[in-house]
Amino acid sequence: MSEHPTIPLSFTRLPEAQMRERARAYYELMDRRRSVRQFSADPIDLDVVREAIRTASTAPSGAHKQPWRFVMVTDPKIKHEIRVAAEAEERETYAHRLSDEWRAALAPLGTDAHKPYLDYVPAIIVMFRVDYELGPDGSRSKNYYVQESCGIALGMLIAALHNAGLATLTHTPSPMNFLAKILARPKNERAFMLLPVGYPSADCRVPDLARKPLAEVLVER
């Protein structure tokens, strides 16, 4: 037996019919999720965003280190700083960093270096990966499977926000070092994802894309 304390698992076994119904309903909910680039400036309930971040932080992580930090930005001045810096990196990317293959892959999405929504979207969540913990005395303790842990938490955050009725966009202006500087984050944190959050605009349109069918993404042996 482990010498570390344990507690009983809180788990309810559901009837199979209910499991199937819940699985199907959740799929249909998430299948309506789309990345949005046309946001409304209408305010949102920030408590909803906080609860979604709390949900994301229930994600499994290497050695239960929870190696993430979420910075929620609502200050217009900071949002503008982020936009200016992000667009500078994006202009460089579109002008010099994209390969022809990458450019062709992005063409159906209609993306470019202009990110006006960063100025007026109600909230921007910047997720940072915490590569190691810093003690009060400056000592370091290692975090494990940081990239994998943050990827799981990010997916849960996107799902939680969509489930609550908000739209998001995964944005990775690369490199993203400017985010740590603007948001005054410590040296053990590195930007992982920039996530605008809000309502889609009334005239929002998204690319006409199809997701791969189950038979193409699932292998059963």
C-alpha atoms as a PDB file:
ATOM      1  CA  MET A   1       0.000   0.000   0.000  1.00  0.00           C
ATOM      2  CA  SER A   2       1.116   3.561  -0.738  1.00  0.00           C
ATOM      3  CA  GLU A   3       2.149   5.618   2.264  1.00  0.00           C
ATOM      4  CA  HIS A   4       0.593   8.688   0.644  1.00  0.00           C
ATOM      5  CA  PRO A   5      -3.017   9.535   1.538  1.00  0.00           C
ATOM      6  CA  THR A   6      -5.851   8.466  -0.749  1.00  0.00           C
ATOM      7  CA  ILE A   7      -9.587   9.119  -0.908  1.00  0.00           C
ATOM      8  CA  PRO A   8     -12.481   7.116  -2.397  1.00  0.00           C
ATOM      9  CA  LEU A   9     -13.096   7.773  -6.100  1.00  0.00           C
ATOM     10  CA  SER A  10     -16.294   9.704  -6.798  1.00  0.00           C
ATOM     11  CA  PHE A  11     -17.662   7.878  -9.842  1.00  0.00           C
ATOM     12  CA  THR A  12     -21.170   7.003 -11.005  1.00  0.00           C
ATOM     13  CA  ARG A  13     -21.593   4.127 -13.410  1.00  0.00           C
ATOM     14  CA  LEU A  14     -24.294   5.045 -15.952  1.00  0.00           C
ATOM     15  CA  PRO A  15     -26.684   2.803 -17.880  1.00  0.00           C
ATOM     16  CA  GLU A  16     -25.344   2.084 -21.360  1.00  0.00           C
ATOM     17  CA  ALA A  17     -28.287   3.794 -23.066  1.00  0.00           C
ATOM     18  CA  GLN A  18     -27.580   6.976 -21.129  1.00  0.00           C
ATOM     19  CA  MET A  19     -23.868   6.725 -21.924  1.00  0.00           C
ATOM     20  CA  ARG A  20     -24.617   6.450 -25.632  1.00  0.00           C
ATOM     21  CA  GLU A  21     -26.993   9.403 -25.505  1.00  0.00           C
ATOM     22  CA  ARG A  22     -24.515  11.569 -23.619  1.00  0.00           C
ATOM     23  CA  ALA A  23     -21.676  10.614 -25.965  1.00  0.00           C
ATOM     24  CA  ARG A  24     -23.772  11.424 -29.038  1.00  0.00           C
ATOM     25  CA  ALA A  25     -25.087  14.718 -27.608  1.00  0.00           C
ATOM     26  CA  TYR A  26     -21.601  15.852 -26.646  1.00  0.00           C
ATOM     27  CA  TYR A  27     -20.267  14.987 -30.092  1.00  0.00           C
ATOM     28  CA  GLU A  28     -23.046  17.002 -31.727  1.00  0.00           C
ATOM     29  CA  LEU A  29     -22.297  19.946 -29.436  1.00  0.00           C
ATOM     30  CA  MET A  30     -18.575  19.871 -30.166  1.00  0.00           C
ATOM     31  CA  ASP A  31     -19.088  19.283 -33.891  1.00  0.00           C
ATOM     32  CA  ARG A  32     -20.647  22.755 -34.009  1.00  0.00           C
ATOM     33  CA  ARG A  33     -17.472  24.296 -32.606  1.00  0.00           C
ATOM     34  CA  ARG A  34     -15.580  26.407 -35.124  1.00  0.00           C
ATOM     35  CA  SER A  35     -12.587  28.690 -34.919  1.00  0.00           C
ATOM     36  CA  VAL A  36     -13.854  32.262 -35.165  1.00  0.00           C
ATOM     37  CA  ARG A  37     -12.058  35.275 -36.615  1.00  0.00           C
ATOM     38  CA  GLN A  38     -15.015  37.672 -36.612  1.00  0.00           C
ATOM     39  CA  PHE A  39     -15.828  38.539 -33.014  1.00  0.00           C
ATOM     40  CA  SER A  40     -18.426  40.810 -31.464  1.00  0.00           C
ATOM     41  CA  ALA A  41     -17.301  43.524 -29.066  1.00  0.00           C
ATOM     42  CA  ASP A  42     -20.261  42.707 -26.816  1.00  0.00           C
ATOM     43  CA  PRO A  43     -19.192  42.116 -23.201  1.00  0.00           C
ATOM     44  CA  ILE A  44     -19.212  38.604 -21.773  1.00  0.00           C
ATOM     45  CA  ASP A  45     -19.609  37.267 -18.255  1.00  0.00           C
ATOM     46  CA  LEU A  46     -16.018  36.871 -17.098  1.00  0.00           C
ATOM     47  CA  ASP A  47     -17.119  34.463 -14.363  1.00  0.00           C
ATOM     48  CA  VAL A  48     -17.990  32.043 -17.184  1.00  0.00           C
ATOM     49  CA  VAL A  49     -14.409  32.328 -18.457  1.00  0.00           C
ATOM     50  CA  ARG A  50     -13.032  31.812 -14.959  1.00  0.00           C
ATOM     51  CA  GLU A  51     -15.101  28.641 -14.555  1.00  0.00           C
ATOM     52  CA  ALA A  52     -13.860  27.361 -17.926  1.00  0.00           C
ATOM     53  CA  ILE A  53     -10.274  27.953 -16.798  1.00  0.00           C
ATOM     54  CA  ARG A  54     -11.037  26.148 -13.540  1.00  0.00           C
ATOM     55  CA  THR A  55     -12.328  23.246 -15.647  1.00  0.00           C
ATOM     56  CA  ALA A  56      -9.182  23.253 -17.792  1.00  0.00           C
ATOM     57  CA  SER A  57      -7.104  23.031 -14.661  1.00  0.00           C
ATOM     58  CA  THR A  58      -8.717  19.690 -13.797  1.00  0.00           C
ATOM     59  CA  ALA A  59      -6.780  18.158 -16.709  1.00  0.00           C
ATOM     60  CA  PRO A  60      -4.398  15.280 -16.004  1.00  0.00           C
ATOM     61  CA  SER A  61      -0.758  16.285 -15.915  1.00  0.00           C
ATOM     62  CA  GLY A  62       2.657  14.682 -15.534  1.00  0.00           C
ATOM     63  CA  ALA A  63       3.202  13.822 -11.845  1.00  0.00           C
ATOM     64  CA  HIS A  64       0.211  16.081 -11.091  1.00  0.00           C
ATOM     65  CA  LYS A  65       2.445  19.143 -11.456  1.00  0.00           C
ATOM     66  CA  GLN A  66      -0.252  21.136 -13.300  1.00  0.00           C
ATOM     67  CA  PRO A  67       2.384  23.009 -15.312  1.00  0.00           C
ATOM     68  CA  TRP A  68       0.195  25.794 -16.684  1.00  0.00           C
ATOM     69  CA  ARG A  69      -0.716  29.385 -16.029  1.00  0.00           C
ATOM     70  CA  PHE A  70      -3.653  31.229 -17.612  1.00  0.00           C
ATOM     71  CA  VAL A  71      -3.542  35.012 -17.953  1.00  0.00           C
ATOM     72  CA  MET A  72      -6.918  36.595 -18.731  1.00  0.00           C
ATOM     73  CA  VAL A  73      -6.505  39.969 -20.420  1.00  0.00           C
ATOM     74  CA  THR A  74      -9.365  42.485 -20.542  1.00  0.00           C
ATOM     75  CA  ASP A  75      -7.439  45.778 -20.284  1.00  0.00           C
ATOM     76  CA  PRO A  76      -7.800  47.595 -23.662  1.00  0.00           C
ATOM     77  CA  LYS A  77      -4.250  48.956 -23.515  1.00  0.00           C
ATOM     78  CA  ILE A  78      -2.736  45.528 -22.969  1.00  0.00           C
ATOM     79  CA  LYS A  79      -4.923  43.989 -25.658  1.00  0.00           C
ATOM     80  CA  HIS A  80      -3.677  46.640 -28.094  1.00  0.00           C
ATOM     81  CA  GLU A  81      -0.067  45.952 -27.144  1.00  0.00           C
ATOM     82  CA  ILE A  82      -0.656  42.277 -27.848  1.00  0.00           C
ATOM     83  CA  ARG A  83      -2.242  43.075 -31.207  1.00  0.00           C
ATOM     84  CA  VAL A  84       0.626  45.306 -32.315  1.00  0.00           C
ATOM     85  CA  ALA A  85       3.261  42.745 -31.341  1.00  0.00           C
ATOM     86  CA  ALA A  86       1.305  39.785 -32.758  1.00  0.00           C
ATOM     87  CA  GLU A  87       0.735  41.498 -36.087  1.00  0.00           C
ATOM     88  CA  ALA A  88       4.430  42.377 -36.338  1.00  0.00           C
ATOM     89  CA  GLU A  89       5.346  38.698 -35.979  1.00  0.00           C
ATOM     90  CA  GLU A  90       2.583  37.647 -38.340  1.00  0.00           C
ATOM     91  CA  ARG A  91       3.722  40.074 -41.049  1.00  0.00           C
ATOM     92  CA  GLU A  92       7.196  38.598 -40.823  1.00  0.00           C
ATOM     93  CA  THR A  93       5.773  35.078 -40.972  1.00  0.00           C
ATOM     94  CA  TYR A  94       3.578  35.694 -43.996  1.00  0.00           C
ATOM     95  CA  ALA A  95       6.328  37.600 -45.802  1.00  0.00           C
ATOM     96  CA  HIS A  96       9.340  35.372 -45.090  1.00  0.00           C
ATOM     97  CA  ARG A  97       8.682  32.289 -42.925  1.00  0.00           C
ATOM     98  CA  LEU A  98       5.896  30.418 -44.701  1.00  0.00           C
ATOM     99  CA  SER A  99       6.828  27.704 -47.150  1.00  0.00           C
ATOM    100  CA  ASP A 100       4.775  27.404 -50.343  1.00  0.00           C
ATOM    101  CA  GLU A 101       3.237  24.198 -48.952  1.00  0.00           C
ATOM    102  CA  TRP A 102       2.255  25.883 -45.704  1.00  0.00           C
ATOM    103  CA  ARG A 103       0.851  28.890 -47.544  1.00  0.00           C
ATOM    104  CA  ALA A 104      -1.286  26.607 -49.714  1.00  0.00           C
ATOM    105  CA  ALA A 105      -2.574  24.754 -46.651  1.00  0.00           C
ATOM    106  CA  LEU A 106      -3.659  28.041 -45.043  1.00  0.00           C
ATOM    107  CA  ALA A 107      -5.340  29.435 -48.167  1.00  0.00           C
ATOM    108  CA  PRO A 108      -8.801  27.873 -47.535  1.00  0.00           C
ATOM    109  CA  LEU A 109      -8.864  29.420 -44.050  1.00  0.00           C
ATOM    110  CA  GLY A 110      -8.423  32.959 -45.341  1.00  0.00           C
ATOM    111  CA  THR A 111      -5.884  33.908 -42.676  1.00  0.00           C
ATOM    112  CA  ASP A 112      -3.515  36.855 -42.907  1.00  0.00           C
ATOM    113  CA  ALA A 113      -1.408  39.073 -40.655  1.00  0.00           C
ATOM    114  CA  HIS A 114      -4.257  41.386 -39.659  1.00  0.00           C
ATOM    115  CA  LYS A 115      -5.771  40.615 -36.236  1.00  0.00           C
ATOM    116  CA  PRO A 116      -8.159  43.534 -35.506  1.00  0.00           C
ATOM    117  CA  TYR A 117     -10.274  41.413 -33.149  1.00  0.00           C
ATOM    118  CA  LEU A 118      -7.435  41.437 -30.602  1.00  0.00           C
ATOM    119  CA  ASP A 119      -8.345  45.058 -29.906  1.00  0.00           C
ATOM    120  CA  TYR A 120     -12.058  44.582 -29.258  1.00  0.00           C
ATOM    121  CA  VAL A 121     -12.656  40.954 -28.286  1.00  0.00           C
ATOM    122  CA  PRO A 122     -13.879  41.002 -24.643  1.00  0.00           C
ATOM    123  CA  ALA A 123     -11.139  38.723 -23.310  1.00  0.00           C
ATOM    124  CA  ILE A 124      -7.878  37.198 -24.395  1.00  0.00           C
ATOM    125  CA  ILE A 125      -6.574  34.160 -22.552  1.00  0.00           C
ATOM    126  CA  VAL A 126      -2.855  33.607 -22.843  1.00  0.00           C
ATOM    127  CA  MET A 127      -1.871  30.134 -21.694  1.00  0.00           C
ATOM    128  CA  PHE A 128       1.685  29.716 -20.466  1.00  0.00           C
ATOM    129  CA  ARG A 129       3.534  26.454 -19.987  1.00  0.00           C
ATOM    130  CA  VAL A 130       5.476  26.350 -16.739  1.00  0.00           C
ATOM    131  CA  ASP A 131       8.665  24.467 -17.538  1.00  0.00           C
ATOM    132  CA  TYR A 132       9.839  24.383 -13.913  1.00  0.00           C
ATOM    133  CA  GLU A 133       8.718  25.763 -10.569  1.00  0.00           C
ATOM    134  CA  LEU A 134      10.646  28.527  -8.839  1.00  0.00           C
ATOM    135  CA  GLY A 135      10.948  28.388  -5.049  1.00  0.00           C
ATOM    136  CA  PRO A 136      11.020  31.523  -2.853  1.00  0.00           C
ATOM    137  CA  ASP A 137      14.779  31.078  -2.596  1.00  0.00           C
ATOM    138  CA  GLY A 138      15.211  30.804  -6.377  1.00  0.00           C
ATOM    139  CA  SER A 139      15.501  27.014  -6.344  1.00  0.00           C
ATOM    140  CA  ARG A 140      14.055  25.031  -9.239  1.00  0.00           C
ATOM    141  CA  SER A 141      11.900  21.915  -9.268  1.00  0.00           C
ATOM    142  CA  LYS A 142      11.228  20.132 -12.530  1.00  0.00           C
ATOM    143  CA  ASN A 143       7.842  19.711 -14.176  1.00  0.00           C
ATOM    144  CA  TYR A 144       7.163  16.622 -16.278  1.00  0.00           C
ATOM    145  CA  TYR A 145       5.443  16.105 -19.638  1.00  0.00           C
ATOM    146  CA  VAL A 146       4.786  19.832 -19.798  1.00  0.00           C
ATOM    147  CA  GLN A 147       3.887  19.999 -23.490  1.00  0.00           C
ATOM    148  CA  GLU A 148       1.507  17.050 -23.286  1.00  0.00           C
ATOM    149  CA  SER A 149      -0.103  18.281 -20.071  1.00  0.00           C
ATOM    150  CA  CYS A 150      -0.689  21.762 -21.474  1.00  0.00           C
ATOM    151  CA  GLY A 151      -2.113  20.352 -24.693  1.00  0.00           C
ATOM    152  CA  ILE A 152      -4.713  18.360 -22.754  1.00  0.00           C
ATOM    153  CA  ALA A 153      -5.627  21.360 -20.569  1.00  0.00           C
ATOM    154  CA  LEU A 154      -5.942  23.610 -23.627  1.00  0.00           C
ATOM    155  CA  GLY A 155      -8.319  21.166 -25.293  1.00  0.00           C
ATOM    156  CA  MET A 156     -10.432  21.037 -22.161  1.00  0.00           C
ATOM    157  CA  LEU A 157     -10.474  24.852 -22.002  1.00  0.00           C
ATOM    158  CA  ILE A 158     -11.678  25.179 -25.594  1.00  0.00           C
ATOM    159  CA  ALA A 159     -14.367  22.554 -24.970  1.00  0.00           C
ATOM    160  CA  ALA A 160     -15.488  24.221 -21.739  1.00  0.00           C
ATOM    161  CA  LEU A 161     -15.763  27.644 -23.374  1.00  0.00           C
ATOM    162  CA  HIS A 162     -17.722  26.233 -26.317  1.00  0.00           C
ATOM    163  CA  ASN A 163     -19.989  24.305 -23.958  1.00  0.00           C
ATOM    164  CA  ALA A 164     -20.696  27.564 -22.108  1.00  0.00           C
ATOM    165  CA  GLY A 165     -21.670  29.357 -25.328  1.00  0.00           C
ATOM    166  CA  LEU A 166     -18.505  31.294 -26.176  1.00  0.00           C
ATOM    167  CA  ALA A 167     -16.399  31.308 -29.330  1.00  0.00           C
ATOM    168  CA  THR A 168     -12.623  30.981 -29.470  1.00  0.00           C
ATOM    169  CA  LEU A 169      -9.672  31.008 -31.825  1.00  0.00           C
ATOM    170  CA  THR A 170      -6.342  29.260 -31.314  1.00  0.00           C
ATOM    171  CA  HIS A 171      -3.700  31.808 -32.286  1.00  0.00           C
ATOM    172  CA  THR A 172       0.035  31.147 -32.238  1.00  0.00           C
ATOM    173  CA  PRO A 173       1.965  34.158 -33.538  1.00  0.00           C
ATOM    174  CA  SER A 174       5.411  32.603 -33.677  1.00  0.00           C
ATOM    175  CA  PRO A 175       7.666  33.337 -31.918  1.00  0.00           C
ATOM    176  CA  MET A 176       5.513  34.315 -28.925  1.00  0.00           C
ATOM    177  CA  ASN A 177       8.206  35.624 -26.584  1.00  0.00           C
ATOM    178  CA  PHE A 178       6.609  39.066 -26.654  1.00  0.00           C
ATOM    179  CA  LEU A 179       3.671  37.775 -24.591  1.00  0.00           C
ATOM    180  CA  ALA A 180       5.819  36.999 -21.555  1.00  0.00           C
ATOM    181  CA  LYS A 181       7.297  40.499 -21.772  1.00  0.00           C
ATOM    182  CA  ILE A 182       3.984  42.329 -22.191  1.00  0.00           C
ATOM    183  CA  LEU A 183       2.333  40.320 -19.416  1.00  0.00           C
ATOM    184  CA  ALA A 184       5.364  40.464 -17.097  1.00  0.00           C
ATOM    185  CA  ARG A 185       5.613  36.706 -16.667  1.00  0.00           C
ATOM    186  CA  PRO A 186       8.594  35.086 -14.900  1.00  0.00           C
ATOM    187  CA  LYS A 187      11.408  33.297 -16.727  1.00  0.00           C
ATOM    188  CA  ASN A 188      10.034  29.815 -16.031  1.00  0.00           C
ATOM    189  CA  GLU A 189       6.892  30.485 -18.093  1.00  0.00           C
ATOM    190  CA  ARG A 190       6.660  30.288 -21.884  1.00  0.00           C
ATOM    191  CA  ALA A 191       3.657  31.282 -23.977  1.00  0.00           C
ATOM    192  CA  PHE A 192       1.783  28.215 -25.207  1.00  0.00           C
ATOM    193  CA  MET A 193      -1.369  29.627 -26.810  1.00  0.00           C
ATOM    194  CA  LEU A 194      -3.194  32.909 -27.353  1.00  0.00           C
ATOM    195  CA  LEU A 195      -6.964  32.433 -27.195  1.00  0.00           C
ATOM    196  CA  PRO A 196      -9.377  35.288 -28.000  1.00  0.00           C
ATOM    197  CA  VAL A 197     -12.746  34.650 -26.311  1.00  0.00           C
ATOM    198  CA  GLY A 198     -16.127  36.210 -26.982  1.00  0.00           C
ATOM    199  CA  TYR A 199     -19.299  35.990 -29.035  1.00  0.00           C
ATOM    200  CA  PRO A 200     -19.090  35.661 -32.809  1.00  0.00           C
ATOM    201  CA  SER A 201     -20.181  38.761 -34.699  1.00  0.00           C
ATOM    202  CA  ALA A 202     -23.706  38.785 -36.128  1.00  0.00           C
ATOM    203  CA  ASP A 203     -22.308  38.471 -39.657  1.00  0.00           C
ATOM    204  CA  CYS A 204     -19.632  35.904 -38.777  1.00  0.00           C
ATOM    205  CA  ARG A 205     -18.760  33.451 -41.540  1.00  0.00           C
ATOM    206  CA  VAL A 206     -16.397  30.490 -41.363  1.00  0.00           C
ATOM    207  CA  PRO A 207     -14.730  28.378 -44.068  1.00  0.00           C
ATOM    208  CA  ASP A 208     -16.823  25.557 -45.492  1.00  0.00           C
ATOM    209  CA  LEU A 209     -14.734  22.695 -44.156  1.00  0.00           C
ATOM    210  CA  ALA A 210     -15.447  19.021 -43.509  1.00  0.00           C
ATOM    211  CA  ARG A 211     -13.964  17.031 -40.652  1.00  0.00           C
ATOM    212  CA  LYS A 212     -12.454  13.624 -41.290  1.00  0.00           C
ATOM    213  CA  PRO A 213     -14.961  10.788 -40.789  1.00  0.00           C
ATOM    214  CA  LEU A 214     -14.544   8.424 -37.864  1.00  0.00           C
ATOM    215  CA  ALA A 215     -13.350   5.633 -40.136  1.00  0.00           C
ATOM    216  CA  GLU A 216     -10.400   7.779 -41.157  1.00  0.00           C
ATOM    217  CA  VAL A 217      -9.243   8.704 -37.645  1.00  0.00           C
ATOM    218  CA  LEU A 218     -10.047   5.523 -35.709  1.00  0.00           C
ATOM    219  CA  VAL A 219      -8.178   2.233 -36.014  1.00  0.00           C
ATOM    220  CA  GLU A 220      -9.600  -0.761 -34.145  1.00  0.00           C
ATOM    221  CA  ARG A 221      -7.514  -3.910 -33.688  1.00  0.00           C
END
